[in-house]
């Protein structure tokens, strides 16, 4: 199995080192194309108004001065064009990517780009407690098992898999749950500050609301100490609304 790795925390990130170790336990044909610098929150953005540069770090290891989407696009369409990957793994992200996080996440975006290019993809993220050092132990010890089980299933071409590891000791992980995406909104805490010149500036805070989250959801699963596994569909069409909206527009 040929595996391509990318992320949004940069090629130098601790979690990316964890991902490389996991990938090499699954295959001896592992390629890397990851951002030179952190791209958190980049979402599924492409670099269109400046040239992109690739830097060869080592054999089968490249860094790109663009977004996670750029990295995967360049890897599959250029670096690996003669023999594309069978699987793309993205992560392991510093912090979870659950609920509405998926619309902002560069980690998820790398998996999205692979999916659009016809390659199966899994995004992996490690939750942590605010104010405490992050431990990637759950991801390190559980990721290979989750990936192996997930890729044993046939996926629709427009689907990717989103995996999140709970913020606990590896031995305290209660198991794996396959759950739908739940609600949790980033940016509810908006902090206003004043710079030395007396002008206002803002920080988008990390407080997220998870009120009324359904029991069966990714946010609840990792809060309860489970690894959450969620299939994400690239088709964003709300099909139930098509017929009534057509009728309303026609009328």
Protein backbone atom coordinates (compact mmCIF):
# COMPACT_ATOMS: atom_id res chain seq x y z
CA UNK A 1 0.00 0.00 0.00
CA UNK A 2 1.41 3.38 -1.02
CA UNK A 3 0.57 6.06 1.55
CA UNK A 4 0.82 9.85 1.28
CA UNK A 5 0.99 11.94 4.47
CA UNK A 6 0.08 15.58 4.96
CA UNK A 7 -1.24 17.88 7.69
CA UNK A 8 -1.87 21.52 8.57
CA UNK A 9 0.46 21.92 11.59
CA UNK A 10 3.57 21.75 9.33
CA UNK A 11 6.11 19.09 8.49
CA UNK A 12 7.91 19.91 11.76
CA UNK A 13 4.92 19.25 14.06
CA UNK A 14 5.05 16.65 16.81
CA UNK A 15 1.79 15.10 15.68
CA UNK A 16 3.15 14.66 12.18
CA UNK A 17 6.00 12.60 13.57
CA UNK A 18 3.40 10.41 15.25
CA UNK A 19 1.57 10.03 11.93
CA UNK A 20 4.76 9.01 10.14
CA UNK A 21 5.41 6.29 12.71
CA UNK A 22 1.84 5.02 12.36
CA UNK A 23 2.05 5.01 8.55
CA UNK A 24 5.35 3.13 8.56
CA UNK A 25 3.77 0.44 10.73
CA UNK A 26 1.21 -0.05 7.92
CA UNK A 27 3.46 0.21 4.86
CA UNK A 28 7.07 0.52 3.75
CA UNK A 29 6.08 2.88 0.90
CA UNK A 30 5.32 6.17 2.65
CA UNK A 31 5.50 9.60 1.01
CA UNK A 32 5.32 13.01 2.68
CA UNK A 33 4.18 16.38 1.35
CA UNK A 34 3.33 18.79 4.15
CA UNK A 35 3.34 22.56 4.70
CA UNK A 36 6.56 24.34 5.60
CA UNK A 37 4.70 26.36 8.26
CA UNK A 38 1.51 26.03 10.27
CA UNK A 39 -1.70 26.32 8.23
CA UNK A 40 -4.33 25.75 10.94
CA UNK A 41 -7.72 27.12 9.93
CA UNK A 42 -6.73 27.25 6.27
CA UNK A 43 -9.74 25.12 5.38
CA UNK A 44 -9.91 23.90 1.76
CA UNK A 45 -8.03 26.86 0.32
CA UNK A 46 -5.80 26.84 -2.77
CA UNK A 47 -2.91 29.19 -3.46
CA UNK A 48 -3.86 30.93 -6.72
CA UNK A 49 -2.08 34.30 -6.77
CA UNK A 50 1.57 33.36 -6.22
CA UNK A 51 3.86 30.49 -7.27
CA UNK A 52 4.27 27.45 -5.06
CA UNK A 53 7.61 25.93 -4.15
CA UNK A 54 8.49 22.38 -3.15
CA UNK A 55 11.55 21.59 -1.02
CA UNK A 56 12.94 18.07 -0.99
CA UNK A 57 13.68 17.19 2.63
CA UNK A 58 14.66 13.59 2.06
CA UNK A 59 13.80 10.63 -0.14
CA UNK A 60 9.99 10.67 -0.58
CA UNK A 61 9.74 13.63 1.86
CA UNK A 62 8.79 17.10 0.60
CA UNK A 63 7.74 20.40 2.16
CA UNK A 64 5.53 22.93 0.37
CA UNK A 65 5.16 26.65 1.08
CA UNK A 66 1.40 26.45 0.56
CA UNK A 67 -1.76 25.14 2.18
CA UNK A 68 -2.63 21.52 3.02
CA UNK A 69 -4.76 21.43 -0.14
CA UNK A 70 -1.79 22.62 -2.20
CA UNK A 71 0.38 19.90 -0.67
CA UNK A 72 -1.96 17.06 -1.58
CA UNK A 73 -2.66 18.47 -5.04
CA UNK A 74 1.05 18.79 -5.85
CA UNK A 75 1.90 15.39 -4.39
CA UNK A 76 -0.75 13.43 -6.31
CA UNK A 77 -0.62 15.37 -9.58
CA UNK A 78 3.15 15.95 -9.71
CA UNK A 79 5.36 14.06 -7.26
CA UNK A 80 3.40 10.81 -7.48
CA UNK A 81 1.71 11.21 -10.84
CA UNK A 82 3.24 8.02 -12.26
CA UNK A 83 2.12 5.91 -9.32
CA UNK A 84 -0.54 7.65 -7.15
CA UNK A 85 -1.07 6.76 -3.50
CA UNK A 86 -3.63 4.18 -2.39
CA UNK A 87 -4.34 6.13 0.79
CA UNK A 88 -3.83 9.64 2.18
CA UNK A 89 -3.48 10.18 5.92
CA UNK A 90 -3.73 13.71 7.30
CA UNK A 91 -2.71 14.75 10.82
CA UNK A 92 -2.20 13.97 13.57
CA UNK A 93 -3.68 17.39 14.29
CA UNK A 94 -2.83 19.31 17.46
CA UNK A 95 -6.40 19.47 18.80
CA UNK A 96 -9.59 17.73 17.81
CA UNK A 97 -11.55 18.34 14.61
CA UNK A 98 -15.15 17.57 15.43
CA UNK A 99 -18.55 19.02 14.61
CA UNK A 100 -18.31 22.35 12.75
CA UNK A 101 -14.50 22.29 13.10
CA UNK A 102 -14.44 20.28 9.87
CA UNK A 103 -15.41 23.35 7.82
CA UNK A 104 -12.37 25.31 9.09
CA UNK A 105 -9.78 22.57 9.41
CA UNK A 106 -6.76 22.28 7.15
CA UNK A 107 -6.34 18.71 8.39
CA UNK A 108 -9.75 17.79 7.04
CA UNK A 109 -9.07 19.80 3.87
CA UNK A 110 -6.04 17.67 2.98
CA UNK A 111 -8.27 14.59 3.19
CA UNK A 112 -10.95 16.38 1.16
CA UNK A 113 -8.51 17.17 -1.64
CA UNK A 114 -7.37 13.55 -1.77
CA UNK A 115 -11.01 12.45 -1.95
CA UNK A 116 -11.70 14.84 -4.83
CA UNK A 117 -8.66 13.40 -6.62
CA UNK A 118 -10.00 9.87 -6.25
CA UNK A 119 -7.81 8.68 -3.38
CA UNK A 120 -9.24 7.34 -0.13
CA UNK A 121 -8.34 9.52 2.85
CA UNK A 122 -8.43 9.53 6.64
CA UNK A 123 -8.01 12.65 8.79
CA UNK A 124 -6.72 12.13 12.34
CA UNK A 125 -6.76 14.57 15.26
CA UNK A 126 -5.77 14.44 18.93
CA UNK A 127 -7.88 16.21 21.55
CA UNK A 128 -6.23 17.74 24.62
CA UNK A 129 -7.21 19.61 27.77
CA UNK A 130 -6.78 23.37 27.57
CA UNK A 131 -3.85 24.59 29.65
CA UNK A 132 -2.17 21.19 29.77
CA UNK A 133 0.55 19.73 27.50
CA UNK A 134 -0.86 17.65 24.69
CA UNK A 135 -0.23 13.90 24.73
CA UNK A 136 -0.36 12.08 21.42
CA UNK A 137 -0.31 8.69 23.16
CA UNK A 138 -3.91 7.75 22.22
CA UNK A 139 -3.24 8.58 18.56
CA UNK A 140 0.10 6.76 18.60
CA UNK A 141 -1.38 3.61 20.12
CA UNK A 142 -4.81 3.50 18.44
CA UNK A 143 -4.40 5.07 14.99
CA UNK A 144 -3.05 2.05 13.11
CA UNK A 145 -5.87 -0.13 14.41
CA UNK A 146 -8.52 2.42 13.43
CA UNK A 147 -7.07 2.98 9.95
CA UNK A 148 -6.73 -0.75 9.25
CA UNK A 149 -10.35 -1.39 10.23
CA UNK A 150 -11.66 1.62 8.31
CA UNK A 151 -9.93 0.81 5.02
CA UNK A 152 -11.29 -2.74 5.19
CA UNK A 153 -14.68 -1.19 4.33
CA UNK A 154 -15.68 -0.09 0.82
CA UNK A 155 -16.34 3.67 0.81
CA UNK A 156 -18.29 5.72 -1.68
CA UNK A 157 -15.86 7.78 -3.81
CA UNK A 158 -17.07 11.07 -2.31
CA UNK A 159 -16.50 10.05 1.34
CA UNK A 160 -13.58 10.56 3.72
CA UNK A 161 -13.11 9.34 7.27
CA UNK A 162 -12.61 11.73 10.21
CA UNK A 163 -10.98 10.24 13.34
CA UNK A 164 -10.54 11.96 16.70
CA UNK A 165 -8.68 10.65 19.73
CA UNK A 166 -9.80 11.60 23.27
CA UNK A 167 -7.76 13.63 25.74
CA UNK A 168 -6.82 10.86 28.16
CA UNK A 169 -4.15 8.28 28.75
CA UNK A 170 -3.86 5.67 26.05
CA UNK A 171 -4.80 2.97 28.54
CA UNK A 172 -7.94 4.93 29.47
CA UNK A 173 -9.40 4.97 25.94
CA UNK A 174 -12.71 3.10 26.22
CA UNK A 175 -12.90 1.94 22.63
CA UNK A 176 -13.94 3.14 19.18
CA UNK A 177 -17.32 4.60 18.25
CA UNK A 178 -18.61 5.26 14.75
CA UNK A 179 -20.78 8.36 15.18
CA UNK A 180 -22.26 11.24 13.19
CA UNK A 181 -20.95 14.79 13.29
CA UNK A 182 -22.29 16.79 16.22
CA UNK A 183 -22.73 20.51 16.92
CA UNK A 184 -19.91 22.61 18.35
CA UNK A 185 -19.17 26.13 17.11
CA UNK A 186 -15.75 27.74 17.14
CA UNK A 187 -15.44 31.48 17.74
CA UNK A 188 -18.24 31.99 20.28
CA UNK A 189 -15.72 33.79 22.50
CA UNK A 190 -14.59 36.99 20.78
CA UNK A 191 -11.95 38.86 22.78
CA UNK A 192 -11.37 42.58 22.21
CA UNK A 193 -8.05 44.13 23.21
CA UNK A 194 -6.32 47.49 22.82
CA UNK A 195 -2.88 47.89 21.27
CA UNK A 196 -0.22 50.37 22.56
CA UNK A 197 -1.55 53.01 20.17
CA UNK A 198 -5.05 52.75 21.62
CA UNK A 199 -6.59 50.92 18.67
CA UNK A 200 -8.87 47.93 19.09
CA UNK A 201 -7.99 44.46 17.86
CA UNK A 202 -9.65 41.07 18.29
CA UNK A 203 -8.79 37.47 19.08
CA UNK A 204 -11.15 34.70 18.06
CA UNK A 205 -11.25 32.56 21.20
CA UNK A 206 -11.31 28.80 21.55
CA UNK A 207 -14.50 28.55 23.59
CA UNK A 208 -16.99 26.37 21.77
CA UNK A 209 -20.57 25.69 22.64
CA UNK A 210 -21.77 22.09 22.64
CA UNK A 211 -25.16 22.63 24.23
CA UNK A 212 -27.82 20.11 23.28
CA UNK A 213 -25.32 17.87 21.48
CA UNK A 214 -27.00 14.57 20.62
CA UNK A 215 -25.77 11.61 22.63
CA UNK A 216 -24.57 9.86 19.49
CA UNK A 217 -22.08 12.38 18.11
CA UNK A 218 -18.34 12.90 17.70
CA UNK A 219 -18.18 15.62 20.37
CA UNK A 220 -19.85 13.42 22.99
CA UNK A 221 -17.86 10.32 22.02
CA UNK A 222 -14.44 11.89 22.62
CA UNK A 223 -15.68 13.65 25.77
CA UNK A 224 -16.64 10.20 27.06
CA UNK A 225 -13.19 8.79 26.32
CA UNK A 226 -13.85 7.04 23.00
CA UNK A 227 -12.09 7.35 19.67
CA UNK A 228 -14.66 8.88 17.32
CA UNK A 229 -14.89 7.79 13.68
CA UNK A 230 -17.13 9.79 11.35
CA UNK A 231 -17.67 9.36 7.61
CA UNK A 232 -17.87 12.77 5.93
CA UNK A 233 -19.67 13.23 2.63
CA UNK A 234 -18.32 15.75 0.11
CA UNK A 235 -21.75 16.36 -1.48
CA UNK A 236 -23.23 19.20 0.59
CA UNK A 237 -26.60 19.17 -1.17
CA UNK A 238 -29.61 19.10 1.16
CA UNK A 239 -31.71 16.83 -1.04
CA UNK A 240 -34.93 17.05 0.99
CA UNK A 241 -35.14 20.75 0.18
CA UNK A 242 -34.70 20.38 -3.58
CA UNK A 243 -38.35 19.67 -4.46
CA UNK A 244 -40.01 22.33 -2.24
CA UNK A 245 -37.39 24.90 -3.26
CA UNK A 246 -37.97 24.17 -6.96
CA UNK A 247 -41.69 24.59 -6.43
CA UNK A 248 -41.21 27.86 -4.57
CA UNK A 249 -38.81 29.27 -7.16
CA UNK A 250 -41.09 28.23 -10.06
CA UNK A 251 -44.13 29.74 -8.39
